[in-house]
Protein backbone atom coordinates (compact mmCIF):
# COMPACT_ATOMS: atom_id res chain seq x y z
CA UNK A 1 75.65 142.11 86.50
CA UNK A 2 75.10 145.50 84.91
CA UNK A 3 75.95 145.79 81.22
CA UNK A 4 77.75 149.12 81.65
CA UNK A 5 79.47 150.53 84.74
CA UNK A 6 77.45 152.46 87.28
CA UNK A 7 78.31 156.14 87.49
CA UNK A 8 80.73 157.16 90.23
CA UNK A 9 78.54 160.30 90.44
CA UNK A 10 81.40 162.69 89.68
CA UNK A 11 81.47 165.19 86.83
CA UNK A 12 77.68 165.34 86.49
CA UNK A 13 75.91 168.41 85.14
CA UNK A 14 74.70 170.52 88.09
CA UNK A 15 70.99 170.10 87.33
CA UNK A 16 71.31 166.30 87.05
CA UNK A 17 73.41 166.15 90.20
CA UNK A 18 70.81 168.21 92.08
CA UNK A 19 67.99 165.93 90.94
CA UNK A 20 69.92 162.81 91.94
CA UNK A 21 70.67 164.15 95.43
CA UNK A 22 66.91 164.08 96.12
CA UNK A 23 66.93 160.31 95.79
CA UNK A 24 68.32 157.38 97.77
CA UNK A 25 71.62 155.76 96.82
CA UNK A 26 70.21 153.05 94.58
CA UNK A 27 71.54 151.27 91.54
CA UNK A 28 68.81 152.62 89.28
CA UNK A 29 69.98 156.18 89.98
CA UNK A 30 73.64 155.30 89.69
CA UNK A 31 72.89 153.84 86.24
CA UNK A 32 70.69 156.77 85.23
CA UNK A 33 73.50 159.17 86.14
CA UNK A 34 75.19 158.00 82.93
CA UNK A 35 72.25 159.35 80.91
CA UNK A 36 72.70 163.13 80.91
CA UNK A 37 69.72 165.21 79.80
CA UNK A 38 67.54 162.19 79.04
CA UNK A 39 68.01 160.99 82.62
CA UNK A 40 67.16 164.44 83.94
CA UNK A 41 63.85 164.48 82.07
CA UNK A 42 63.05 160.98 83.28
CA UNK A 43 63.79 161.91 86.91
CA UNK A 44 61.63 165.03 86.76
CA UNK A 45 58.70 163.13 85.30
CA UNK A 46 59.13 160.44 87.94
CA UNK A 47 59.00 163.04 90.69
CA UNK A 48 55.77 164.51 89.34
CA UNK A 49 54.10 161.12 88.98
CA UNK A 50 55.16 159.89 92.40
CA UNK A 51 55.05 162.98 94.61
CA UNK A 52 52.55 165.40 93.06
CA UNK A 53 50.01 162.78 92.08
CA UNK A 54 46.26 162.89 92.38
CA UNK A 55 46.04 159.09 92.63
CA UNK A 56 46.05 157.62 96.10
CA UNK A 57 49.36 156.06 97.15
CA UNK A 58 47.61 152.67 97.34
CA UNK A 59 46.25 152.87 93.79
CA UNK A 60 49.64 154.04 92.57
CA UNK A 61 51.47 151.09 94.13
CA UNK A 62 48.92 148.57 92.87
CA UNK A 63 49.45 149.92 89.34
CA UNK A 64 53.24 149.86 89.70
CA UNK A 65 53.28 146.32 91.09
CA UNK A 66 51.06 145.00 88.29
CA UNK A 67 53.02 146.82 85.61
CA UNK A 68 56.33 145.58 87.04
CA UNK A 69 54.99 142.04 87.18
CA UNK A 70 53.72 142.07 83.60
CA UNK A 71 57.04 143.56 82.45
CA UNK A 72 58.94 140.90 84.44
CA UNK A 73 60.94 143.55 86.29
CA UNK A 74 62.40 141.93 89.40
CA UNK A 75 63.99 145.25 90.45
CA UNK A 76 60.64 147.10 90.33
CA UNK A 77 58.89 144.37 92.26
CA UNK A 78 61.68 144.28 94.85
CA UNK A 79 61.44 148.01 95.56
CA UNK A 80 57.71 148.50 95.24
CA UNK A 81 56.76 145.47 97.31
CA UNK A 82 58.53 147.19 100.20
CA UNK A 83 56.75 150.47 99.48
CA UNK A 84 53.38 148.68 99.31
CA UNK A 85 54.05 147.00 102.66
CA UNK A 86 55.02 150.36 104.16
CA UNK A 87 51.65 151.72 102.97
CA UNK A 88 49.95 148.93 104.91
CA UNK A 89 48.96 146.70 102.01
CA UNK A 90 48.51 143.11 103.10
CA UNK A 91 50.89 140.45 101.81
CA UNK A 92 48.00 138.49 100.26
CA UNK A 93 46.90 141.52 98.26
CA UNK A 94 50.45 142.32 97.13
CA UNK A 95 50.97 138.72 95.98
CA UNK A 96 47.55 138.65 94.32
CA UNK A 97 48.33 141.78 92.31
CA UNK A 98 51.74 140.45 91.28
CA UNK A 99 50.65 136.93 90.37
CA UNK A 100 47.02 137.09 89.22
CA UNK A 101 46.13 140.78 88.94
CA UNK A 102 42.51 141.44 88.01
CA UNK A 103 41.60 137.81 88.71
CA UNK A 104 42.83 137.95 92.32
CA UNK A 105 40.21 137.15 94.93
CA UNK A 106 41.98 139.51 97.34
CA UNK A 107 40.88 142.60 95.38
CA UNK A 108 37.68 144.58 95.63
CA UNK A 109 35.69 145.58 92.52
CA UNK A 110 37.50 148.90 92.10
CA UNK A 111 40.92 147.27 92.40
CA UNK A 112 39.97 144.55 89.89
CA UNK A 113 38.84 147.27 87.47
CA UNK A 114 42.11 149.15 87.98
CA UNK A 115 44.16 145.99 87.45
CA UNK A 116 42.29 145.06 84.26
CA UNK A 117 42.86 148.57 82.86
CA UNK A 118 46.56 148.20 83.73
CA UNK A 119 46.83 144.73 82.22
CA UNK A 120 45.23 145.74 78.95
CA UNK A 121 47.34 148.87 78.68
CA UNK A 122 50.57 146.92 79.23
CA UNK A 123 49.69 143.89 77.12
CA UNK A 124 47.55 145.37 74.35
CA UNK A 125 49.02 148.87 74.25
CA UNK A 126 45.73 150.45 75.34
CA UNK A 127 42.74 149.73 77.52
CA UNK A 128 39.60 148.40 75.86
CA UNK A 129 36.49 150.58 75.62
CA UNK A 130 34.89 148.56 78.41
CA UNK A 131 37.88 148.80 80.77
CA UNK A 132 38.31 152.49 80.05
CA UNK A 133 34.70 153.37 80.82
CA UNK A 134 34.53 150.97 83.78
CA UNK A 135 37.50 152.77 85.36
CA UNK A 136 35.95 156.13 84.43
CA UNK A 137 33.11 155.23 86.81
CA UNK A 138 35.66 155.56 89.64
CA UNK A 139 38.16 158.10 88.32
CA UNK A 140 38.13 161.70 87.11
CA UNK A 141 39.64 162.58 83.75
CA UNK A 142 42.82 163.69 85.51
CA UNK A 143 43.07 160.38 87.35
CA UNK A 144 42.54 158.43 84.10
CA UNK A 145 45.35 160.36 82.43
CA UNK A 146 47.65 160.00 85.42
CA UNK A 147 46.95 156.26 85.57
CA UNK A 148 47.87 155.85 81.91
CA UNK A 149 51.04 157.94 82.27
CA UNK A 150 52.01 156.00 85.39
CA UNK A 151 51.64 152.69 83.58
CA UNK A 152 53.73 153.97 80.67
CA UNK A 153 56.37 155.40 82.98
CA UNK A 154 56.82 152.11 84.81
CA UNK A 155 56.89 150.19 81.52
CA UNK A 156 59.75 152.49 80.51
CA UNK A 157 61.43 152.03 83.88
CA UNK A 158 61.12 148.25 83.68
CA UNK A 159 62.62 148.17 80.20
CA UNK A 160 65.48 150.42 81.31
CA UNK A 161 66.24 148.25 84.34
CA UNK A 162 66.16 145.05 82.31
CA UNK A 163 68.11 146.35 79.32
CA UNK A 164 70.97 147.53 81.53
CA UNK A 165 70.71 144.54 83.92
CA UNK A 166 70.54 146.87 86.90
CA UNK A 167 71.46 144.84 89.97
CA UNK A 168 69.13 144.57 92.94
CA UNK A 169 70.00 146.85 95.83
CA UNK A 170 70.75 145.49 99.27
CA UNK A 171 68.03 146.37 101.78
């Protein structure tokens, strides 16, 4: 059960209300609606990372699933497992990313490299020299930066969801 009430979505500042109308009716957004300007900044960054990204949708979802798993965010995993399936990712690969990450036998070399970079960034606070330069063999500078920002954004999202005990949505 959520620690504070979800917003009834009335009385919101116009710019926050406009940003929220672009999104589905989900508990995360109903909770964020309580956040004013901070929520607005979060939503705008989320839009850029998700919808104006240079990373492929598959890479993005692998990163989000691994980050959500390492952060123990049931809500993130619930939503992004569905998105990953919709992208055509196989169930074995989704489960491998969630449960074993870079050690999963279902991943190719690039995906293992991406998962190790993600794991180190989440767990250690930064990727090691080796992981950084291994991923740089596959990614441009822009993709490396976007990957790091994406990991950080979903760490933030996971912490937000867990701190406020945001309830799972019905699908």
